[in-house]
Amino acid sequence: MFANLEKCRPQMLSVLRIFVALLFLQAGLSKYFGWPGTPPKDFNTLLHVAGAIELVGSVLLLAGLWTREAAFIMSGEMAVAYFLRRVYDPQVPSFFPIVNGGVVESLFCFVFLYFVFAGAGPWSLDAKRAGR
């Protein structure tokens, strides 16, 4: 049974990459354009940089272009976001994501870290550039 599933593993890596990129793209679009969510009330320099990383990184991840590099930067962004917004939040000072509300940040951080090691998959511009 699992041998049949194994045949689809490379394509599912590409599907996961595309889906995660579309989810993460919403964060950047929301910061800059207020769609599909609301823009932040205090759009400071840190949020400006985060939004740029989210927009550019998501588009690169979606296309599968420079996937490992983009994923590395986005994983770092999510680690910083987790520690700045969740762990050191004076209202809910906890390391545990379920307590401090940082499940999304920690999950994105480690999914992006996985892409650093796994690459983009066969349905990507990286694979096309490599001649696969």
N, C-alpha and C. Protein backbone atom coordinates (compact mmCIF):
# COMPACT_ATOMS: atom_id res chain seq x y z
N MET A 1 0.83 -1.19 0.00
CA MET A 1 0.00 0.00 0.00
C MET A 1 0.88 1.26 0.00
N PHE A 2 1.90 1.30 0.86
CA PHE A 2 2.73 2.49 0.95
C PHE A 2 3.64 2.66 -0.25
N ALA A 3 3.92 1.57 -0.96
CA ALA A 3 4.75 1.67 -2.16
C ALA A 3 4.06 2.52 -3.22
N ASN A 4 2.75 2.40 -3.32
CA ASN A 4 2.00 3.24 -4.27
C ASN A 4 2.04 4.70 -3.86
N LEU A 5 1.97 4.95 -2.57
CA LEU A 5 2.02 6.33 -2.08
C LEU A 5 3.40 6.93 -2.31
N GLU A 6 4.42 6.12 -2.19
CA GLU A 6 5.80 6.58 -2.36
C GLU A 6 6.03 7.16 -3.76
N LYS A 7 5.33 6.64 -4.75
CA LYS A 7 5.48 7.14 -6.12
C LYS A 7 5.05 8.59 -6.25
N CYS A 8 4.13 9.02 -5.40
CA CYS A 8 3.59 10.39 -5.48
C CYS A 8 4.31 11.37 -4.56
N ARG A 9 5.29 10.89 -3.81
CA ARG A 9 5.95 11.76 -2.83
C ARG A 9 6.56 13.03 -3.44
N PRO A 10 7.28 12.96 -4.56
CA PRO A 10 7.86 14.19 -5.11
C PRO A 10 6.79 15.22 -5.53
N GLN A 11 5.71 14.73 -6.12
CA GLN A 11 4.64 15.64 -6.54
C GLN A 11 3.94 16.26 -5.33
N MET A 12 3.78 15.48 -4.26
CA MET A 12 3.14 16.02 -3.06
C MET A 12 4.01 17.07 -2.38
N LEU A 13 5.32 16.97 -2.54
CA LEU A 13 6.21 18.02 -2.04
C LEU A 13 5.90 19.33 -2.77
N SER A 14 5.70 19.24 -4.08
CA SER A 14 5.35 20.44 -4.85
C SER A 14 3.98 20.98 -4.44
N VAL A 15 3.02 20.08 -4.21
CA VAL A 15 1.68 20.52 -3.79
C VAL A 15 1.75 21.21 -2.44
N LEU A 16 2.50 20.65 -1.50
CA LEU A 16 2.68 21.27 -0.18
C LEU A 16 3.32 22.65 -0.32
N ARG A 17 4.36 22.75 -1.15
CA ARG A 17 5.05 24.03 -1.35
C ARG A 17 4.09 25.08 -1.90
N ILE A 18 3.30 24.73 -2.88
CA ILE A 18 2.37 25.67 -3.49
C ILE A 18 1.30 26.11 -2.49
N PHE A 19 0.75 25.15 -1.75
CA PHE A 19 -0.29 25.47 -0.78
C PHE A 19 0.23 26.38 0.33
N VAL A 20 1.40 26.05 0.86
CA VAL A 20 1.99 26.86 1.93
C VAL A 20 2.32 28.26 1.42
N ALA A 21 2.82 28.36 0.18
CA ALA A 21 3.13 29.68 -0.39
C ALA A 21 1.87 30.53 -0.52
N LEU A 22 0.77 29.92 -0.94
CA LEU A 22 -0.49 30.68 -1.06
C LEU A 22 -1.00 31.12 0.30
N LEU A 23 -0.85 30.28 1.31
CA LEU A 23 -1.25 30.67 2.67
C LEU A 23 -0.40 31.84 3.18
N PHE A 24 0.90 31.74 2.98
CA PHE A 24 1.81 32.76 3.50
C PHE A 24 1.69 34.06 2.72
N LEU A 25 1.35 33.97 1.45
CA LEU A 25 1.17 35.17 0.63
C LEU A 25 0.09 36.08 1.19
N GLN A 26 -0.90 35.49 1.81
CA GLN A 26 -1.98 36.28 2.39
C GLN A 26 -1.47 37.24 3.47
N ALA A 27 -0.45 36.82 4.21
CA ALA A 27 0.10 37.69 5.27
C ALA A 27 0.72 38.95 4.67
N GLY A 28 1.50 38.80 3.61
CA GLY A 28 2.11 39.96 2.97
C GLY A 28 1.09 40.84 2.28
N LEU A 29 0.14 40.23 1.59
CA LEU A 29 -0.91 41.01 0.93
C LEU A 29 -1.73 41.80 1.93
N SER A 30 -2.01 41.18 3.04
CA SER A 30 -2.78 41.85 4.09
C SER A 30 -2.02 43.03 4.69
N LYS A 31 -0.71 42.87 4.87
CA LYS A 31 0.09 43.97 5.44
C LYS A 31 0.16 45.16 4.50
N TYR A 32 0.36 44.90 3.22
CA TYR A 32 0.56 45.99 2.27
C TYR A 32 -0.72 46.53 1.64
N PHE A 33 -1.67 45.64 1.37
CA PHE A 33 -2.85 46.06 0.62
C PHE A 33 -4.16 45.95 1.40
N GLY A 34 -4.10 45.40 2.61
CA GLY A 34 -5.31 45.27 3.40
C GLY A 34 -6.26 44.21 2.86
N TRP A 35 -5.75 43.33 2.03
CA TRP A 35 -6.58 42.26 1.49
C TRP A 35 -5.81 40.96 1.55
N PRO A 36 -6.32 39.87 1.96
CA PRO A 36 -7.70 39.56 2.32
C PRO A 36 -8.04 39.86 3.78
N GLY A 37 -7.16 40.45 4.51
CA GLY A 37 -7.44 40.81 5.90
C GLY A 37 -7.39 42.32 6.05
N THR A 38 -7.15 42.75 7.23
CA THR A 38 -7.04 44.19 7.48
C THR A 38 -5.56 44.54 7.67
N PRO A 39 -5.16 45.72 7.21
CA PRO A 39 -3.75 46.10 7.39
C PRO A 39 -3.46 46.38 8.86
N PRO A 40 -2.21 46.24 9.27
CA PRO A 40 -1.85 46.53 10.67
C PRO A 40 -2.08 48.01 10.99
N LYS A 41 -2.45 48.27 12.22
CA LYS A 41 -2.72 49.66 12.64
C LYS A 41 -1.45 50.49 12.68
N ASP A 42 -0.38 49.93 13.17
CA ASP A 42 0.89 50.66 13.25
C ASP A 42 1.90 50.01 12.32
N PHE A 43 1.93 50.44 11.09
CA PHE A 43 2.79 49.84 10.07
C PHE A 43 4.19 50.41 10.23
N ASN A 44 4.97 49.81 11.12
CA ASN A 44 6.32 50.28 11.41
C ASN A 44 7.35 49.61 10.51
N THR A 45 8.61 49.93 10.71
CA THR A 45 9.69 49.41 9.87
C THR A 45 9.78 47.89 9.94
N LEU A 46 9.62 47.31 11.11
CA LEU A 46 9.70 45.86 11.26
C LEU A 46 8.60 45.17 10.46
N LEU A 47 7.39 45.70 10.51
CA LEU A 47 6.29 45.12 9.74
C LEU A 47 6.49 45.35 8.24
N HIS A 48 7.10 46.46 7.89
CA HIS A 48 7.39 46.75 6.48
C HIS A 48 8.36 45.70 5.92
N VAL A 49 9.40 45.39 6.66
CA VAL A 49 10.37 44.38 6.25
C VAL A 49 9.72 43.00 6.22
N ALA A 50 8.94 42.68 7.25
CA ALA A 50 8.26 41.38 7.30
C ALA A 50 7.32 41.22 6.11
N GLY A 51 6.57 42.27 5.79
CA GLY A 51 5.67 42.20 4.64
C GLY A 51 6.39 41.99 3.33
N ALA A 52 7.53 42.63 3.18
CA ALA A 52 8.33 42.45 1.96
C ALA A 52 8.85 41.02 1.86
N ILE A 53 9.33 40.48 2.98
CA ILE A 53 9.79 39.09 2.98
C ILE A 53 8.63 38.15 2.64
N GLU A 54 7.47 38.42 3.19
CA GLU A 54 6.31 37.57 2.95
C GLU A 54 5.85 37.63 1.50
N LEU A 55 5.81 38.82 0.93
CA LEU A 55 5.39 38.95 -0.47
C LEU A 55 6.39 38.32 -1.43
N VAL A 56 7.63 38.74 -1.35
CA VAL A 56 8.65 38.25 -2.29
C VAL A 56 8.92 36.77 -2.06
N GLY A 57 9.07 36.37 -0.80
CA GLY A 57 9.34 34.97 -0.50
C GLY A 57 8.22 34.04 -0.93
N SER A 58 6.98 34.47 -0.72
CA SER A 58 5.84 33.64 -1.12
C SER A 58 5.77 33.46 -2.62
N VAL A 59 6.03 34.52 -3.36
CA VAL A 59 6.01 34.41 -4.82
C VAL A 59 7.13 33.49 -5.30
N LEU A 60 8.32 33.62 -4.71
CA LEU A 60 9.42 32.73 -5.08
C LEU A 60 9.09 31.28 -4.72
N LEU A 61 8.52 31.07 -3.55
CA LEU A 61 8.15 29.73 -3.13
C LEU A 61 7.05 29.17 -4.03
N LEU A 62 6.09 29.99 -4.38
CA LEU A 62 5.00 29.56 -5.25
C LEU A 62 5.52 29.09 -6.60
N ALA A 63 6.47 29.84 -7.15
CA ALA A 63 7.05 29.48 -8.45
C ALA A 63 8.09 28.37 -8.32
N GLY A 64 8.57 28.15 -7.12
CA GLY A 64 9.63 27.17 -6.94
C GLY A 64 10.96 27.67 -7.46
N LEU A 65 11.19 28.96 -7.31
CA LEU A 65 12.42 29.58 -7.78
C LEU A 65 13.24 30.01 -6.56
N TRP A 66 14.49 29.58 -6.49
CA TRP A 66 15.35 29.84 -5.33
C TRP A 66 14.62 29.44 -4.05
N THR A 67 14.03 28.28 -4.10
CA THR A 67 13.18 27.80 -3.01
C THR A 67 13.94 27.68 -1.70
N ARG A 68 15.10 27.06 -1.73
CA ARG A 68 15.85 26.85 -0.48
C ARG A 68 16.25 28.17 0.16
N GLU A 69 16.69 29.11 -0.65
CA GLU A 69 17.12 30.41 -0.12
C GLU A 69 15.93 31.19 0.45
N ALA A 70 14.84 31.23 -0.31
CA ALA A 70 13.64 31.95 0.15
C ALA A 70 13.08 31.30 1.41
N ALA A 71 13.04 29.98 1.44
CA ALA A 71 12.51 29.27 2.61
C ALA A 71 13.37 29.51 3.84
N PHE A 72 14.69 29.58 3.65
CA PHE A 72 15.59 29.85 4.77
C PHE A 72 15.29 31.22 5.39
N ILE A 73 15.12 32.22 4.55
CA ILE A 73 14.84 33.57 5.04
C ILE A 73 13.46 33.61 5.71
N MET A 74 12.47 32.97 5.10
CA MET A 74 11.12 32.99 5.68
C MET A 74 11.06 32.19 6.98
N SER A 75 11.83 31.12 7.08
CA SER A 75 11.89 30.37 8.33
C SER A 75 12.47 31.24 9.44
N GLY A 76 13.51 31.98 9.11
CA GLY A 76 14.10 32.90 10.08
C GLY A 76 13.14 34.00 10.49
N GLU A 77 12.40 34.51 9.52
CA GLU A 77 11.40 35.54 9.84
C GLU A 77 10.36 35.01 10.82
N MET A 78 9.91 33.79 10.59
CA MET A 78 8.90 33.21 11.48
C MET A 78 9.46 32.91 12.86
N ALA A 79 10.73 32.54 12.93
CA ALA A 79 11.36 32.33 14.25
C ALA A 79 11.44 33.64 15.01
N VAL A 80 11.84 34.70 14.32
CA VAL A 80 11.89 36.03 14.96
C VAL A 80 10.50 36.47 15.38
N ALA A 81 9.52 36.28 14.50
CA ALA A 81 8.14 36.66 14.83
C ALA A 81 7.64 35.91 16.05
N TYR A 82 7.96 34.63 16.12
CA TYR A 82 7.51 33.82 17.26
C TYR A 82 8.10 34.35 18.56
N PHE A 83 9.40 34.60 18.56
CA PHE A 83 10.03 35.04 19.80
C PHE A 83 9.66 36.47 20.17
N LEU A 84 9.54 37.36 19.18
CA LEU A 84 9.19 38.75 19.50
C LEU A 84 7.74 38.91 19.90
N ARG A 85 6.84 38.23 19.18
CA ARG A 85 5.42 38.43 19.43
C ARG A 85 4.83 37.48 20.45
N ARG A 86 5.44 36.33 20.64
CA ARG A 86 4.80 35.32 21.47
C ARG A 86 5.56 35.03 22.77
N VAL A 87 6.81 34.71 22.69
CA VAL A 87 7.56 34.31 23.88
C VAL A 87 7.79 35.49 24.81
N TYR A 88 8.14 36.64 24.23
CA TYR A 88 8.45 37.81 25.06
C TYR A 88 7.28 38.76 25.21
N ASP A 89 6.08 38.29 24.93
CA ASP A 89 4.88 39.10 25.12
C ASP A 89 4.57 39.19 26.61
N PRO A 90 4.55 40.39 27.17
CA PRO A 90 4.33 40.50 28.61
C PRO A 90 2.94 40.04 29.06
N GLN A 91 1.97 40.02 28.15
CA GLN A 91 0.62 39.60 28.53
C GLN A 91 0.51 38.08 28.69
N VAL A 92 1.21 37.34 27.83
CA VAL A 92 1.17 35.88 27.90
C VAL A 92 2.60 35.35 27.79
N PRO A 93 3.40 35.49 28.83
CA PRO A 93 4.80 35.06 28.74
C PRO A 93 4.94 33.54 28.88
N SER A 94 4.92 32.87 27.74
CA SER A 94 5.06 31.41 27.75
C SER A 94 5.82 30.98 26.50
N PHE A 95 6.60 29.92 26.61
CA PHE A 95 7.33 29.39 25.47
C PHE A 95 6.44 28.49 24.61
N PHE A 96 5.39 27.92 25.18
CA PHE A 96 4.58 26.92 24.50
C PHE A 96 3.58 27.56 23.54
N PRO A 97 3.61 27.15 22.27
CA PRO A 97 2.77 27.77 21.25
C PRO A 97 1.27 27.70 21.55
N ILE A 98 0.82 26.62 22.14
CA ILE A 98 -0.62 26.50 22.40
C ILE A 98 -1.06 27.49 23.47
N VAL A 99 -0.15 27.89 24.34
CA VAL A 99 -0.46 28.84 25.41
C VAL A 99 -0.36 30.28 24.91
N ASN A 100 0.71 30.59 24.14
CA ASN A 100 0.94 31.98 23.74
C ASN A 100 0.35 32.34 22.38
N GLY A 101 -0.34 31.40 21.72
CA GLY A 101 -0.98 31.69 20.44
C GLY A 101 -0.05 31.66 19.25
N GLY A 102 1.10 31.06 19.38
CA GLY A 102 2.08 31.07 18.30
C GLY A 102 2.15 29.80 17.48
N VAL A 103 1.06 29.06 17.41
CA VAL A 103 1.06 27.81 16.64
C VAL A 103 1.36 28.07 15.17
N VAL A 104 0.75 29.09 14.60
CA VAL A 104 0.93 29.38 13.17
C VAL A 104 2.38 29.75 12.88
N GLU A 105 2.97 30.63 13.69
CA GLU A 105 4.35 31.03 13.46
C GLU A 105 5.31 29.86 13.57
N SER A 106 5.13 29.03 14.60
CA SER A 106 6.04 27.90 14.78
C SER A 106 5.86 26.87 13.67
N LEU A 107 4.65 26.64 13.23
CA LEU A 107 4.41 25.69 12.14
C LEU A 107 5.02 26.19 10.83
N PHE A 108 4.78 27.46 10.49
CA PHE A 108 5.40 28.03 9.28
C PHE A 108 6.92 27.94 9.36
N CYS A 109 7.49 28.24 10.52
CA CYS A 109 8.94 28.21 10.69
C CYS A 109 9.50 26.84 10.32
N PHE A 110 8.89 25.79 10.81
CA PHE A 110 9.44 24.46 10.57
C PHE A 110 9.07 23.89 9.20
N VAL A 111 7.95 24.30 8.63
CA VAL A 111 7.63 23.88 7.26
C VAL A 111 8.62 24.54 6.30
N PHE A 112 8.91 25.81 6.51
CA PHE A 112 9.91 26.48 5.66
C PHE A 112 11.28 25.84 5.85
N LEU A 113 11.62 25.49 7.07
CA LEU A 113 12.89 24.83 7.32
C LEU A 113 12.96 23.48 6.59
N TYR A 114 11.85 22.79 6.52
CA TYR A 114 11.79 21.53 5.76
C TYR A 114 12.09 21.79 4.28
N PHE A 115 11.55 22.86 3.71
CA PHE A 115 11.81 23.17 2.31
C PHE A 115 13.29 23.51 2.07
N VAL A 116 13.97 24.04 3.07
CA VAL A 116 15.41 24.31 2.93
C VAL A 116 16.13 23.00 2.63
N PHE A 117 15.73 21.93 3.28
CA PHE A 117 16.40 20.64 3.11
C PHE A 117 15.80 19.82 1.97
N ALA A 118 14.48 19.90 1.75
CA ALA A 118 13.81 19.06 0.76
C ALA A 118 13.82 19.66 -0.64
N GLY A 119 13.93 20.97 -0.74
CA GLY A 119 13.86 21.61 -2.05
C GLY A 119 12.44 21.87 -2.47
N ALA A 120 12.25 22.12 -3.76
CA ALA A 120 10.96 22.57 -4.28
C ALA A 120 10.09 21.45 -4.83
N GLY A 121 10.67 20.35 -5.19
CA GLY A 121 9.89 19.29 -5.83
C GLY A 121 9.95 19.41 -7.34
N PRO A 122 9.33 18.46 -8.04
CA PRO A 122 9.46 18.42 -9.50
C PRO A 122 8.69 19.51 -10.25
N TRP A 123 7.63 20.00 -9.68
CA TRP A 123 6.84 21.04 -10.34
C TRP A 123 7.33 22.41 -9.90
N SER A 124 8.51 22.80 -10.36
CA SER A 124 9.10 24.06 -9.93
C SER A 124 10.06 24.59 -10.97
N LEU A 125 10.34 25.86 -10.88
CA LEU A 125 11.35 26.45 -11.77
C LEU A 125 12.75 25.99 -11.39
N ASP A 126 12.97 25.67 -10.12
CA ASP A 126 14.25 25.12 -9.70
C ASP A 126 14.53 23.80 -10.41
N ALA A 127 13.53 22.94 -10.49
CA ALA A 127 13.70 21.65 -11.18
C ALA A 127 13.92 21.85 -12.68
N LYS A 128 13.22 22.82 -13.24
CA LYS A 128 13.39 23.12 -14.67
C LYS A 128 14.79 23.64 -14.95
N ARG A 129 15.30 24.51 -14.06
CA ARG A 129 16.66 25.05 -14.23
C ARG A 129 17.71 23.96 -14.10
N ALA A 130 17.44 22.97 -13.23
CA ALA A 130 18.38 21.87 -13.03
C ALA A 130 18.28 20.82 -14.13
N GLY A 131 17.29 20.96 -15.01
CA GLY A 131 17.12 20.02 -16.11
C GLY A 131 16.42 18.74 -15.74
N ARG A 132 15.64 18.77 -14.64
CA ARG A 132 14.91 17.57 -14.23
C ARG A 132 13.50 17.60 -14.77
